[in-house]
Amino acid sequence: MTTLDTSVAGELRLTLRGAAENRILDTVRHWPHWRLGNIEHDPANEQQYQSVTLITDRVHEATVREILKLSFGLTFPPEGGNRELAPEAPRPAGRRGSKYR
């Protein structure tokens, strides 16, 4: 479940939970406006994480919302909230060769 949190004054927090949300993390993790990232590890396995929270200033809220909407179909209400990420669509099979050689 993806959480967009606007409850802290001046901050926007994006929390990602579980392996299915790795594709969001892969897309946004190198964005230069994140001020902080918190990782919550799985107590049973320190090599795994339970959640990642990325924090930025509220001035970047429109950009974060646009990325989530256009790239992943996630739309949040003005106050933030939780959304389930839809399963990734299967990629079309590529052609191995061309009949024109």
C-alpha atoms as a PDB file:
ATOM      1  CA  MET A   1       0.000   0.000   0.000  1.00  0.00           C
ATOM      2  CA  THR A   2       1.281   3.444  -0.909  1.00  0.00           C
ATOM      3  CA  THR A   3       0.725   6.268   1.575  1.00  0.00           C
ATOM      4  CA  LEU A   4       0.935   9.979   0.823  1.00  0.00           C
ATOM      5  CA  ASP A   5       1.078  11.864   4.127  1.00  0.00           C
ATOM      6  CA  THR A   6       0.607  15.630   4.377  1.00  0.00           C
ATOM      7  CA  SER A   7      -0.011  15.781   8.148  1.00  0.00           C
ATOM      8  CA  VAL A   8       3.387  17.250   9.115  1.00  0.00           C
ATOM      9  CA  ALA A   9       3.548  20.995   8.443  1.00  0.00           C
ATOM     10  CA  GLY A  10       5.784  21.772   5.484  1.00  0.00           C
ATOM     11  CA  GLU A  11       6.506  18.116   4.681  1.00  0.00           C
ATOM     12  CA  LEU A  12       5.254  15.552   2.229  1.00  0.00           C
ATOM     13  CA  ARG A  13       5.907  11.895   3.065  1.00  0.00           C
ATOM     14  CA  LEU A  14       5.649   9.039   0.597  1.00  0.00           C
ATOM     15  CA  THR A  15       5.619   5.611   2.249  1.00  0.00           C
ATOM     16  CA  LEU A  16       6.032   2.454   0.188  1.00  0.00           C
ATOM     17  CA  ARG A  17       5.406  -1.013   1.630  1.00  0.00           C
ATOM     18  CA  GLY A  18       6.317  -4.362   0.154  1.00  0.00           C
ATOM     19  CA  ALA A  19       8.079  -5.726  -2.872  1.00  0.00           C
ATOM     20  CA  ALA A  20       5.251  -4.783  -5.265  1.00  0.00           C
ATOM     21  CA  GLU A  21       6.051  -1.122  -4.651  1.00  0.00           C
ATOM     22  CA  ASN A  22       9.705  -1.505  -5.620  1.00  0.00           C
ATOM     23  CA  ARG A  23       8.791  -0.218  -9.067  1.00  0.00           C
ATOM     24  CA  ILE A  24       7.691   3.091  -7.514  1.00  0.00           C
ATOM     25  CA  LEU A  25      10.886   3.217  -5.465  1.00  0.00           C
ATOM     26  CA  ASP A  26      12.977   2.492  -8.574  1.00  0.00           C
ATOM     27  CA  THR A  27      11.320   5.444 -10.314  1.00  0.00           C
ATOM     28  CA  VAL A  28      11.494   8.075  -7.555  1.00  0.00           C
ATOM     29  CA  ARG A  29      14.501   7.211  -5.388  1.00  0.00           C
ATOM     30  CA  HIS A  30      17.033   9.314  -7.306  1.00  0.00           C
ATOM     31  CA  TRP A  31      14.799  12.391  -7.442  1.00  0.00           C
ATOM     32  CA  PRO A  32      17.028  15.154  -6.013  1.00  0.00           C
ATOM     33  CA  HIS A  33      14.386  16.816  -3.827  1.00  0.00           C
ATOM     34  CA  TRP A  34      14.035  14.076  -1.209  1.00  0.00           C
ATOM     35  CA  ARG A  35      15.400  15.452   2.067  1.00  0.00           C
ATOM     36  CA  LEU A  36      15.315  12.213   4.008  1.00  0.00           C
ATOM     37  CA  GLY A  37      14.593   8.549   3.587  1.00  0.00           C
ATOM     38  CA  ASN A  38      13.636   6.198   6.425  1.00  0.00           C
ATOM     39  CA  ILE A  39      13.865   2.435   6.025  1.00  0.00           C
ATOM     40  CA  GLU A  40      11.976   0.113   8.351  1.00  0.00           C
ATOM     41  CA  HIS A  41      13.600  -3.318   8.294  1.00  0.00           C
ATOM     42  CA  ASP A  42      11.814  -6.600   8.837  1.00  0.00           C
ATOM     43  CA  PRO A  43      12.654  -7.695  12.417  1.00  0.00           C
ATOM     44  CA  ALA A  44      12.795 -11.340  11.317  1.00  0.00           C
ATOM     45  CA  ASN A  45      15.166 -10.625   8.417  1.00  0.00           C
ATOM     46  CA  GLU A  46      17.368  -7.524   8.439  1.00  0.00           C
ATOM     47  CA  GLN A  47      18.076  -8.010   4.718  1.00  0.00           C
ATOM     48  CA  GLN A  48      14.426  -7.279   3.924  1.00  0.00           C
ATOM     49  CA  TYR A  49      12.546  -4.065   4.516  1.00  0.00           C
ATOM     50  CA  GLN A  50       8.946  -3.536   5.547  1.00  0.00           C
ATOM     51  CA  SER A  51       8.640   0.040   4.355  1.00  0.00           C
ATOM     52  CA  VAL A  52      10.529   2.984   2.904  1.00  0.00           C
ATOM     53  CA  THR A  53       9.438   6.553   3.661  1.00  0.00           C
ATOM     54  CA  LEU A  54      10.734   9.388   1.485  1.00  0.00           C
ATOM     55  CA  ILE A  55      10.340  12.946   2.757  1.00  0.00           C
ATOM     56  CA  THR A  56      10.387  16.202   0.791  1.00  0.00           C
ATOM     57  CA  ASP A  57       9.149  19.760   1.203  1.00  0.00           C
ATOM     58  CA  ARG A  58       5.476  20.474   0.458  1.00  0.00           C
ATOM     59  CA  VAL A  59       6.507  22.803  -2.388  1.00  0.00           C
ATOM     60  CA  HIS A  60       7.203  19.617  -4.410  1.00  0.00           C
ATOM     61  CA  GLU A  61       3.789  18.053  -3.718  1.00  0.00           C
ATOM     62  CA  ALA A  62       2.353  18.706  -7.179  1.00  0.00           C
ATOM     63  CA  THR A  63       5.335  17.021  -8.838  1.00  0.00           C
ATOM     64  CA  VAL A  64       5.163  13.942  -6.597  1.00  0.00           C
ATOM     65  CA  ARG A  65       1.415  13.622  -7.183  1.00  0.00           C
ATOM     66  CA  GLU A  66       1.897  13.943 -10.953  1.00  0.00           C
ATOM     67  CA  ILE A  67       4.589  11.242 -11.001  1.00  0.00           C
ATOM     68  CA  LEU A  68       2.368   8.874  -9.003  1.00  0.00           C
ATOM     69  CA  LYS A  69      -0.647   9.585 -11.191  1.00  0.00           C
ATOM     70  CA  LEU A  70       0.993   9.389 -14.617  1.00  0.00           C
ATOM     71  CA  SER A  71       3.427   6.556 -13.917  1.00  0.00           C
ATOM     72  CA  PHE A  72       1.356   4.345 -11.616  1.00  0.00           C
ATOM     73  CA  GLY A  73      -2.276   5.473 -11.826  1.00  0.00           C
ATOM     74  CA  LEU A  74      -2.298   6.525  -8.148  1.00  0.00           C
ATOM     75  CA  THR A  75      -4.465   9.532  -7.314  1.00  0.00           C
ATOM     76  CA  PHE A  76      -4.710  10.778  -3.740  1.00  0.00           C
ATOM     77  CA  PRO A  77      -7.224  13.164  -2.170  1.00  0.00           C
ATOM     78  CA  PRO A  78      -5.916  16.609  -1.119  1.00  0.00           C
ATOM     79  CA  GLU A  79      -5.325  15.433   2.457  1.00  0.00           C
ATOM     80  CA  GLY A  80      -3.304  12.396   1.297  1.00  0.00           C
ATOM     81  CA  GLY A  81      -4.137   8.852   2.273  1.00  0.00           C
ATOM     82  CA  ASN A  82      -3.540   5.249   1.226  1.00  0.00           C
ATOM     83  CA  ARG A  83      -3.845   3.651  -2.193  1.00  0.00           C
ATOM     84  CA  GLU A  84      -3.304   0.123  -3.463  1.00  0.00           C
ATOM     85  CA  LEU A  85      -0.924  -0.192  -6.392  1.00  0.00           C
ATOM     86  CA  ALA A  86      -2.467  -2.098  -9.293  1.00  0.00           C
ATOM     87  CA  PRO A  87      -0.489  -5.117 -10.502  1.00  0.00           C
ATOM     88  CA  GLU A  88       2.004  -4.340 -13.215  1.00  0.00           C
ATOM     89  CA  ALA A  89       0.645  -5.013 -16.685  1.00  0.00           C
ATOM     90  CA  PRO A  90       2.426  -7.817 -18.518  1.00  0.00           C
ATOM     91  CA  ARG A  91       4.846  -6.624 -21.117  1.00  0.00           C
ATOM     92  CA  PRO A  92       4.135  -7.591 -24.711  1.00  0.00           C
ATOM     93  CA  ALA A  93       6.329 -10.336 -26.053  1.00  0.00           C
ATOM     94  CA  GLY A  94       9.081  -8.975 -28.248  1.00  0.00           C
ATOM     95  CA  ARG A  95      10.003 -10.294 -31.633  1.00  0.00           C
ATOM     96  CA  ARG A  96      13.220 -12.273 -31.729  1.00  0.00           C
ATOM     97  CA  GLY A  97      14.064 -11.726 -35.314  1.00  0.00           C
ATOM     98  CA  SER A  98      12.853 -10.137 -38.440  1.00  0.00           C
ATOM     99  CA  LYS A  99      11.494 -11.910 -41.460  1.00  0.00           C
ATOM    100  CA  TYR A 100      13.252  -9.263 -43.546  1.00  0.00           C
ATOM    101  CA  ARG A 101      16.929 -10.198 -43.623  1.00  0.00           C
END
